[in-house]
């Protein structure tokens, strides 16, 4: 049984953006920063209908990602 990553950041799809555009933006940022997420999954969002949970193995990576994608 796999353990959940210790640091999970949840982001929502911005209004006016598609699911694919949002996912590609996240993936591009991760690639540019050379960060390999421990988990990447779509989740339901009450506000915009869809969001993502991205799990990280380091607190620093989670904070950097959160800072980049916080509205």
C-alpha atoms as a PDB file:
ATOM      1  CA  UNK A   1       0.000   0.000   0.000  1.00  0.00           C
ATOM      2  CA  UNK A   2       1.421   3.367  -1.081  1.00  0.00           C
ATOM      3  CA  UNK A   3       1.535   6.199   1.395  1.00  0.00           C
ATOM      4  CA  UNK A   4       0.198   9.619   0.497  1.00  0.00           C
ATOM      5  CA  UNK A   5       2.880  12.236  -0.136  1.00  0.00           C
ATOM      6  CA  UNK A   6       3.537  14.361   2.943  1.00  0.00           C
ATOM      7  CA  UNK A   7       2.940  17.746   1.259  1.00  0.00           C
ATOM      8  CA  UNK A   8      -0.164  18.200  -0.906  1.00  0.00           C
ATOM      9  CA  UNK A   9      -1.178  21.435  -2.624  1.00  0.00           C
ATOM     10  CA  UNK A  10      -4.660  21.862  -4.081  1.00  0.00           C
ATOM     11  CA  UNK A  11      -5.257  24.306  -6.922  1.00  0.00           C
ATOM     12  CA  UNK A  12      -8.419  25.120  -8.858  1.00  0.00           C
ATOM     13  CA  UNK A  13      -8.801  25.614 -12.581  1.00  0.00           C
ATOM     14  CA  UNK A  14      -8.918  29.369 -13.147  1.00  0.00           C
ATOM     15  CA  UNK A  15     -12.181  30.717 -14.598  1.00  0.00           C
ATOM     16  CA  UNK A  16     -11.946  31.008 -18.384  1.00  0.00           C
ATOM     17  CA  UNK A  17      -9.240  28.364 -18.605  1.00  0.00           C
ATOM     18  CA  UNK A  18      -9.744  24.827 -19.841  1.00  0.00           C
ATOM     19  CA  UNK A  19      -8.831  21.676 -17.955  1.00  0.00           C
ATOM     20  CA  UNK A  20      -6.066  20.995 -20.493  1.00  0.00           C
ATOM     21  CA  UNK A  21      -4.632  24.514 -20.351  1.00  0.00           C
ATOM     22  CA  UNK A  22      -4.471  24.382 -16.569  1.00  0.00           C
ATOM     23  CA  UNK A  23      -2.868  20.946 -16.541  1.00  0.00           C
ATOM     24  CA  UNK A  24      -0.330  21.994 -19.191  1.00  0.00           C
ATOM     25  CA  UNK A  25       0.571  25.134 -17.233  1.00  0.00           C
ATOM     26  CA  UNK A  26       1.176  23.090 -14.102  1.00  0.00           C
ATOM     27  CA  UNK A  27       3.199  20.481 -15.993  1.00  0.00           C
ATOM     28  CA  UNK A  28       5.312  23.172 -17.701  1.00  0.00           C
ATOM     29  CA  UNK A  29       6.093  24.829 -14.376  1.00  0.00           C
ATOM     30  CA  UNK A  30       7.064  21.499 -12.812  1.00  0.00           C
ATOM     31  CA  UNK A  31       9.314  20.678 -15.787  1.00  0.00           C
ATOM     32  CA  UNK A  32      10.994  24.108 -15.747  1.00  0.00           C
ATOM     33  CA  UNK A  33      11.691  23.756 -12.027  1.00  0.00           C
ATOM     34  CA  UNK A  34      12.830  20.139 -12.485  1.00  0.00           C
ATOM     35  CA  UNK A  35      10.333  18.978  -9.876  1.00  0.00           C
ATOM     36  CA  UNK A  36       8.826  15.516 -10.077  1.00  0.00           C
ATOM     37  CA  UNK A  37       5.559  15.448  -8.138  1.00  0.00           C
ATOM     38  CA  UNK A  38       4.840  12.420  -5.980  1.00  0.00           C
ATOM     39  CA  UNK A  39       1.159  12.646  -6.973  1.00  0.00           C
ATOM     40  CA  UNK A  40      -0.861  14.534  -9.585  1.00  0.00           C
ATOM     41  CA  UNK A  41      -4.614  14.011  -9.767  1.00  0.00           C
ATOM     42  CA  UNK A  42      -7.732  15.901 -10.793  1.00  0.00           C
ATOM     43  CA  UNK A  43     -10.292  16.543  -8.065  1.00  0.00           C
ATOM     44  CA  UNK A  44     -13.768  18.066  -7.884  1.00  0.00           C
ATOM     45  CA  UNK A  45     -13.972  21.721  -6.944  1.00  0.00           C
ATOM     46  CA  UNK A  46     -17.084  23.432  -5.626  1.00  0.00           C
ATOM     47  CA  UNK A  47     -16.094  26.798  -7.062  1.00  0.00           C
ATOM     48  CA  UNK A  48     -14.818  26.013 -10.570  1.00  0.00           C
ATOM     49  CA  UNK A  49     -15.857  22.389 -11.047  1.00  0.00           C
ATOM     50  CA  UNK A  50     -12.356  20.957 -11.281  1.00  0.00           C
ATOM     51  CA  UNK A  51      -9.060  21.300  -9.503  1.00  0.00           C
ATOM     52  CA  UNK A  52      -5.872  19.391  -8.965  1.00  0.00           C
ATOM     53  CA  UNK A  53      -4.057  17.916  -6.016  1.00  0.00           C
ATOM     54  CA  UNK A  54      -0.313  17.807  -6.456  1.00  0.00           C
ATOM     55  CA  UNK A  55       1.746  15.948  -3.889  1.00  0.00           C
ATOM     56  CA  UNK A  56       5.355  16.742  -3.134  1.00  0.00           C
ATOM     57  CA  UNK A  57       8.007  14.951  -1.111  1.00  0.00           C
ATOM     58  CA  UNK A  58       9.541  18.198   0.134  1.00  0.00           C
ATOM     59  CA  UNK A  59       7.977  21.129   1.929  1.00  0.00           C
ATOM     60  CA  UNK A  60      10.124  23.546  -0.095  1.00  0.00           C
ATOM     61  CA  UNK A  61       8.765  22.223  -3.412  1.00  0.00           C
ATOM     62  CA  UNK A  62       5.203  22.429  -2.117  1.00  0.00           C
ATOM     63  CA  UNK A  63       5.710  26.054  -1.004  1.00  0.00           C
ATOM     64  CA  UNK A  64       7.298  27.039  -4.331  1.00  0.00           C
ATOM     65  CA  UNK A  65       4.406  25.493  -6.239  1.00  0.00           C
ATOM     66  CA  UNK A  66       1.806  27.078  -3.965  1.00  0.00           C
ATOM     67  CA  UNK A  67       3.422  30.500  -4.392  1.00  0.00           C
ATOM     68  CA  UNK A  68       3.415  30.120  -8.193  1.00  0.00           C
ATOM     69  CA  UNK A  69      -0.220  28.999  -8.463  1.00  0.00           C
ATOM     70  CA  UNK A  70      -1.977  30.827  -5.644  1.00  0.00           C
ATOM     71  CA  UNK A  71      -4.659  33.125  -7.123  1.00  0.00           C
END
